Amino acid sequence: MTTPTLDDVQDYWNRHPAGAAEVEHLRADRIAYFDERDRQTSLLYPHLNADYEFSRTKDRRTLELGCGMGYNAQCLAQAGANLVAMDLAENAVRLTKERFALRGLKADYLVADAENLPFRSEAFDEVFSSGVIHHSPDTKAAAQQIERILKPGGNISVMLYHKNSIWYWWDIVFKLGLMMAVLNYSPAFVRNVLLKRMPHWKDLVMPAGQRLTLTDVVRSGTDFGGLQNPISRVYTHQSSRELFSGLRDFRFISNFNATGALEDPKSLKSRLIGPIVNRLNRRFGFFLIIKAKK
């Protein structure tokens, strides 16, 4: 596989705005569309506001790098941030603008890439980014850009995928890796039977002549669309420190989807194991929020 370009990443996220598929059935009613996305987010991530510390941004020059559908940007604006909402995908910026218009919120908006931020050095007091720069072809360059535009004493809250997570090793490396190995290395007639029963698995089949690698499994398992996802990376506490080597005072918070959050009523399984899994997420969750200061 050739290294994906920024154009590849931009095209993918323009076609797959994070969270949009879950509310597609409400597309015709724009208020209900965003309200339901907010409801789902608040149930899936009940500690999100506290974990990211949106409240610290009041009257501070703040960049939301990778605004997506705009939920975190909305939280920042409601907290009183002097906000710039930015994304590589034009569709994400359009959705965030629409959300803000419906909510009566204000921000500046920008389509730009994280590896070449169009801001002067030391322009921001706060930089927030959730699940973004690990999809960039040059994540280190994006991290260096964040450091460059941050004022001395400024803060970051950046979420990356967590390598030291039970969900990474069990759900992605082992379960998905095994399934993709079976799918890609089985005889053609076996693969055809599997795809007939599970047609959505077609996005887990490698192009002819290409061998399956762990990189392919990771990009297939970390987001939607399987192998359509151009790139995803995972980080430990140590590799996160190395990524943001110009920052200090690191703190780390882990979280992940709350078990059974969207079930109504909750299944017996969710009620029994949910509290245990949710406690594990606070240490071994797949979302690693990095907090640091310049």
Protein backbone atom coordinates (compact mmCIF):
# COMPACT_ATOMS: atom_id res chain seq x y z
CA MET A 1 0.00 0.00 0.00
CA THR A 2 1.28 3.47 -0.89
CA THR A 3 1.32 6.12 1.82
CA PRO A 4 -2.02 7.95 1.82
CA THR A 5 -2.03 11.63 0.95
CA LEU A 6 -3.87 14.51 2.59
CA ASP A 7 -6.23 14.42 -0.39
CA ASP A 8 -7.05 10.78 0.40
CA VAL A 9 -7.77 11.65 4.04
CA GLN A 10 -9.82 14.70 3.09
CA ASP A 11 -11.91 12.72 0.61
CA TYR A 12 -12.61 9.95 3.12
CA TRP A 13 -13.77 12.27 5.91
CA ASN A 14 -15.83 14.38 3.51
CA ARG A 15 -17.71 11.19 2.64
CA HIS A 16 -17.85 9.86 6.23
CA PRO A 17 -18.44 12.66 8.76
CA ALA A 18 -17.90 11.09 12.19
CA GLY A 19 -21.27 10.40 13.82
CA ALA A 20 -23.40 11.28 10.77
CA ALA A 21 -24.42 7.72 9.88
CA GLU A 22 -26.11 7.23 13.26
CA VAL A 23 -28.48 10.17 12.65
CA GLU A 24 -28.93 9.87 8.90
CA HIS A 25 -32.60 8.91 9.39
CA LEU A 26 -33.23 12.43 10.76
CA ARG A 27 -31.49 14.25 7.93
CA ALA A 28 -34.64 16.08 6.80
CA ASP A 29 -35.20 17.67 10.23
CA ARG A 30 -32.00 19.57 10.92
CA ILE A 31 -32.75 20.50 14.53
CA ALA A 32 -33.66 16.89 15.38
CA TYR A 33 -30.58 15.72 13.44
CA PHE A 34 -28.16 17.65 15.66
CA ASP A 35 -30.19 17.16 18.84
CA GLU A 36 -30.08 13.39 18.44
CA ARG A 37 -26.34 13.45 17.72
CA ASP A 38 -25.87 15.47 20.93
CA ARG A 39 -28.04 13.05 22.90
CA GLN A 40 -26.06 10.06 21.66
CA THR A 41 -22.73 11.74 22.37
CA SER A 42 -23.71 12.67 25.92
CA LEU A 43 -24.81 9.06 26.61
CA LEU A 44 -21.76 7.44 25.01
CA TYR A 45 -19.27 9.77 26.73
CA PRO A 46 -20.79 10.88 30.04
CA HIS A 47 -17.44 12.25 31.29
CA LEU A 48 -16.58 14.11 28.09
CA ASN A 49 -17.01 17.69 29.35
CA ALA A 50 -15.02 17.05 32.51
CA ASP A 51 -12.32 15.03 30.72
CA TYR A 52 -11.65 17.73 28.14
CA GLU A 53 -12.09 20.63 30.60
CA PHE A 54 -13.98 22.84 28.17
CA SER A 55 -14.79 25.25 30.98
CA ARG A 56 -11.18 26.48 31.20
CA THR A 57 -11.47 28.19 27.80
CA LYS A 58 -13.65 31.16 28.82
CA ASP A 59 -12.38 34.28 27.02
CA ARG A 60 -9.32 32.37 25.76
CA ARG A 61 -8.23 32.14 22.14
CA THR A 62 -9.03 28.51 21.31
CA LEU A 63 -8.58 26.25 18.29
CA GLU A 64 -10.72 23.17 17.75
CA LEU A 65 -8.53 21.24 15.32
CA GLY A 66 -10.80 18.82 13.50
CA CYS A 67 -14.30 20.01 14.36
CA GLY A 68 -16.20 17.10 12.77
CA MET A 69 -19.94 17.54 13.33
CA GLY A 70 -19.21 20.25 15.87
CA TYR A 71 -20.18 18.79 19.24
CA ASN A 72 -16.91 19.63 21.01
CA ALA A 73 -16.75 23.00 19.25
CA GLN A 74 -20.26 23.70 20.55
CA CYS A 75 -19.15 22.87 24.09
CA LEU A 76 -16.20 25.24 23.73
CA ALA A 77 -18.36 28.06 22.39
CA GLN A 78 -20.89 27.56 25.18
CA ALA A 79 -18.02 27.75 27.68
CA GLY A 80 -17.14 31.20 26.34
CA ALA A 81 -14.11 30.37 24.20
CA ASN A 82 -12.92 32.79 21.52
CA LEU A 83 -13.12 29.94 19.04
CA VAL A 84 -11.73 28.95 15.67
CA ALA A 85 -13.34 25.72 14.38
CA MET A 86 -11.14 24.06 11.74
CA ASP A 87 -11.24 20.85 9.74
CA LEU A 88 -9.55 19.34 6.70
CA ALA A 89 -12.98 18.24 5.40
CA GLU A 90 -15.18 20.97 3.95
CA ASN A 91 -18.24 18.91 4.86
CA ALA A 92 -17.27 18.99 8.55
CA VAL A 93 -16.91 22.77 8.56
CA ARG A 94 -20.27 23.09 6.78
CA LEU A 95 -21.97 20.90 9.39
CA THR A 96 -20.39 22.83 12.28
CA LYS A 97 -21.49 26.15 10.75
CA GLU A 98 -25.02 24.81 10.42
CA ARG A 99 -25.02 23.53 14.01
CA PHE A 100 -23.82 26.89 15.32
CA ALA A 101 -26.43 28.80 13.31
CA LEU A 102 -29.19 26.62 14.78
CA ARG A 103 -27.79 27.07 18.31
CA GLY A 104 -27.14 30.81 18.01
CA LEU A 105 -23.39 30.32 18.62
CA LYS A 106 -20.44 32.11 17.07
CA ALA A 107 -16.99 31.05 15.89
CA ASP A 108 -14.56 31.59 13.07
CA TYR A 109 -14.40 28.72 10.58
CA LEU A 110 -11.59 27.42 8.46
CA VAL A 111 -10.82 24.55 6.09
CA ALA A 112 -7.12 23.70 6.52
CA ASP A 113 -4.80 20.78 7.23
CA ALA A 114 -3.15 20.07 10.56
CA GLU A 115 0.30 19.62 9.06
CA ASN A 116 0.36 23.23 7.75
CA LEU A 117 -1.68 25.35 10.15
CA PRO A 118 -2.26 28.84 8.67
CA PHE A 119 -1.73 30.71 11.95
CA ARG A 120 1.13 32.74 13.30
CA SER A 121 3.26 31.21 16.02
CA GLU A 122 1.92 31.49 19.60
CA ALA A 123 -1.56 32.44 18.34
CA PHE A 124 -3.67 30.32 20.72
CA ASP A 125 -4.11 29.86 24.46
CA GLU A 126 -5.82 26.48 24.02
CA VAL A 127 -5.82 23.76 21.37
CA PHE A 128 -8.39 20.96 21.39
CA SER A 129 -8.38 18.02 19.00
CA SER A 130 -10.37 14.82 19.33
CA GLY A 131 -9.54 11.81 17.19
CA VAL A 132 -7.91 13.77 14.38
CA ILE A 133 -4.14 13.92 14.00
CA HIS A 134 -3.67 10.13 14.20
CA HIS A 135 -5.39 10.11 10.78
CA SER A 136 -2.90 12.56 9.27
CA PRO A 137 -0.20 11.20 6.94
CA ASP A 138 2.45 13.01 9.04
CA THR A 139 1.18 13.01 12.62
CA LYS A 140 4.50 14.30 13.96
CA ALA A 141 4.28 17.35 11.69
CA ALA A 142 0.75 18.01 12.97
CA ALA A 143 1.95 17.78 16.58
CA GLN A 144 4.79 20.21 15.86
CA GLN A 145 2.32 22.63 14.32
CA ILE A 146 0.17 22.48 17.44
CA GLU A 147 3.22 23.24 19.56
CA ARG A 148 4.16 26.14 17.26
CA ILE A 149 0.81 27.94 17.43
CA LEU A 150 0.44 27.47 21.20
CA LYS A 151 1.38 30.37 23.46
CA PRO A 152 3.85 29.78 26.31
CA GLY A 153 1.74 28.54 29.21
CA GLY A 154 -0.97 27.42 26.80
CA ASN A 155 -2.68 24.01 27.03
CA ILE A 156 -3.63 21.15 24.76
CA SER A 157 -6.30 18.47 25.07
CA VAL A 158 -5.68 16.00 22.24
CA MET A 159 -7.32 12.61 21.93
CA LEU A 160 -5.43 9.83 20.16
CA TYR A 161 -6.16 6.13 19.91
CA HIS A 162 -4.67 4.21 22.83
CA LYS A 163 -2.31 1.33 22.07
CA ASN A 164 -2.24 0.11 25.68
CA SER A 165 -5.97 -0.53 25.59
CA ILE A 166 -7.72 -3.82 26.11
CA TRP A 167 -10.06 -2.90 23.24
CA TYR A 168 -7.13 -2.37 20.88
CA TRP A 169 -5.51 -5.70 21.64
CA TRP A 170 -8.69 -7.78 21.92
CA ASP A 171 -11.17 -6.22 19.50
CA ILE A 172 -8.79 -5.01 16.80
CA VAL A 173 -5.52 -6.94 16.86
CA PHE A 174 -6.94 -10.33 17.85
CA LYS A 175 -10.61 -10.54 16.83
CA LEU A 176 -10.59 -8.33 13.74
CA GLY A 177 -7.10 -9.44 12.75
CA LEU A 178 -8.14 -13.09 12.85
CA MET A 179 -11.34 -12.41 10.92
CA MET A 180 -9.50 -10.42 8.23
CA ALA A 181 -6.84 -13.14 7.94
CA VAL A 182 -9.53 -15.78 7.39
CA LEU A 183 -11.35 -13.55 4.90
CA ASN A 184 -8.25 -12.63 2.90
CA TYR A 185 -6.37 -15.94 2.92
CA SER A 186 -9.23 -18.40 2.50
CA PRO A 187 -9.91 -19.98 -0.89
CA ALA A 188 -12.06 -17.81 -3.13
CA PHE A 189 -15.16 -20.00 -2.76
CA VAL A 190 -14.99 -19.73 1.06
CA ARG A 191 -14.58 -15.95 0.85
CA ASN A 192 -17.56 -15.70 -1.51
CA VAL A 193 -19.75 -17.67 0.90
CA LEU A 194 -18.72 -15.42 3.77
CA LEU A 195 -19.36 -12.24 1.76
CA LYS A 196 -22.75 -13.50 0.63
CA ARG A 197 -23.76 -13.92 4.28
CA MET A 198 -22.01 -10.75 5.48
CA PRO A 199 -21.85 -8.37 2.48
CA HIS A 200 -20.50 -5.47 4.58
CA TRP A 201 -17.29 -7.47 5.04
CA LYS A 202 -16.36 -6.53 1.47
CA ASP A 203 -14.56 -3.48 2.93
CA LEU A 204 -12.21 -5.86 4.77
CA VAL A 205 -10.92 -7.56 1.62
CA MET A 206 -7.49 -6.42 0.44
CA PRO A 207 -7.00 -5.46 -3.24
CA ALA A 208 -5.67 -8.24 -5.42
CA GLY A 209 -1.94 -8.74 -5.01
CA GLN A 210 -1.66 -6.91 -1.67
CA ARG A 211 -0.85 -8.72 1.55
CA LEU A 212 -2.68 -8.00 4.79
CA THR A 213 -0.61 -6.16 7.42
CA LEU A 214 -1.26 -5.02 10.98
CA THR A 215 -1.47 -1.46 9.65
CA ASP A 216 -4.42 -2.56 7.50
CA VAL A 217 -6.13 -4.20 10.45
CA VAL A 218 -5.68 -1.08 12.59
CA ARG A 219 -7.09 1.31 9.99
CA SER A 220 -10.00 -1.06 9.38
CA GLY A 221 -10.83 -1.42 13.07
CA THR A 222 -10.45 2.09 14.40
CA ASP A 223 -13.14 3.78 12.35
CA PHE A 224 -15.93 2.96 9.91
CA GLY A 225 -15.57 1.95 6.28
CA GLY A 226 -13.00 -0.78 6.85
CA LEU A 227 -10.12 -0.50 4.39
CA GLN A 228 -11.64 2.66 2.94
CA ASN A 229 -10.14 4.47 5.96
CA PRO A 230 -6.75 5.67 4.64
CA ILE A 231 -4.83 5.69 7.92
CA SER A 232 -5.09 5.37 11.70
CA ARG A 233 -2.34 5.20 14.30
CA VAL A 234 -2.26 4.21 17.97
CA TYR A 235 -0.16 5.67 20.79
CA THR A 236 1.03 4.87 24.29
CA HIS A 237 1.68 7.39 27.05
CA GLN A 238 5.37 7.33 26.16
CA SER A 239 4.95 7.70 22.41
CA SER A 240 2.48 10.54 23.04
CA ARG A 241 5.12 12.37 25.07
CA GLU A 242 7.59 11.84 22.25
CA LEU A 243 5.04 13.10 19.72
CA PHE A 244 4.63 16.34 21.69
CA SER A 245 8.25 16.55 22.78
CA GLY A 246 8.14 20.34 23.14
CA LEU A 247 5.45 20.28 25.82
CA ARG A 248 5.51 19.53 29.56
CA ASP A 249 3.29 18.65 32.53
CA PHE A 250 1.63 15.71 30.81
CA ARG A 251 -1.56 14.16 32.16
CA PHE A 252 -3.51 11.31 30.60
CA ILE A 253 -7.18 10.33 30.76
CA SER A 254 -8.68 7.23 29.15
CA ASN A 255 -12.28 6.68 28.16
CA PHE A 256 -14.41 4.83 25.62
CA ASN A 257 -18.03 4.24 24.68
CA ALA A 258 -20.13 3.62 27.78
CA THR A 259 -21.44 0.04 27.65
CA GLY A 260 -25.06 -0.20 26.51
CA ALA A 261 -25.36 3.59 26.55
CA LEU A 262 -27.85 3.72 23.65
CA GLU A 263 -29.93 0.71 24.71
CA ASP A 264 -33.45 1.50 25.89
CA PRO A 265 -34.16 -0.48 27.94
CA LYS A 266 -30.68 -1.75 28.78
CA SER A 267 -30.07 -5.44 28.26
CA LEU A 268 -29.30 -7.70 31.20
CA LYS A 269 -25.75 -8.08 29.87
CA SER A 270 -25.20 -4.31 29.83
CA ARG A 271 -26.62 -3.94 33.32
CA LEU A 272 -24.41 -6.69 34.69
CA ILE A 273 -21.08 -5.99 32.99
CA GLY A 274 -21.51 -2.32 32.15
CA PRO A 275 -20.23 -0.93 35.47
CA ILE A 276 -17.15 -3.19 35.30
CA VAL A 277 -16.34 -2.33 31.68
CA ASN A 278 -16.87 1.39 32.28
CA ARG A 279 -14.40 1.30 35.18
CA LEU A 280 -11.86 -0.47 32.96
CA ASN A 281 -12.34 2.25 30.35
CA ARG A 282 -11.08 4.85 32.81
CA ARG A 283 -7.69 3.10 32.73
CA PHE A 284 -7.57 1.05 29.55
CA GLY A 285 -10.10 2.78 27.28
CA PHE A 286 -9.36 3.16 23.59
CA PHE A 287 -9.54 6.96 23.68
CA LEU A 288 -6.42 8.50 25.21
CA ILE A 289 -6.80 12.19 26.05
CA ILE A 290 -3.41 13.87 26.32
CA LYS A 291 -3.19 17.03 28.40
CA ALA A 292 0.00 19.07 28.35
CA LYS A 293 1.30 22.62 28.65
CA LYS A 294 3.82 24.64 26.66
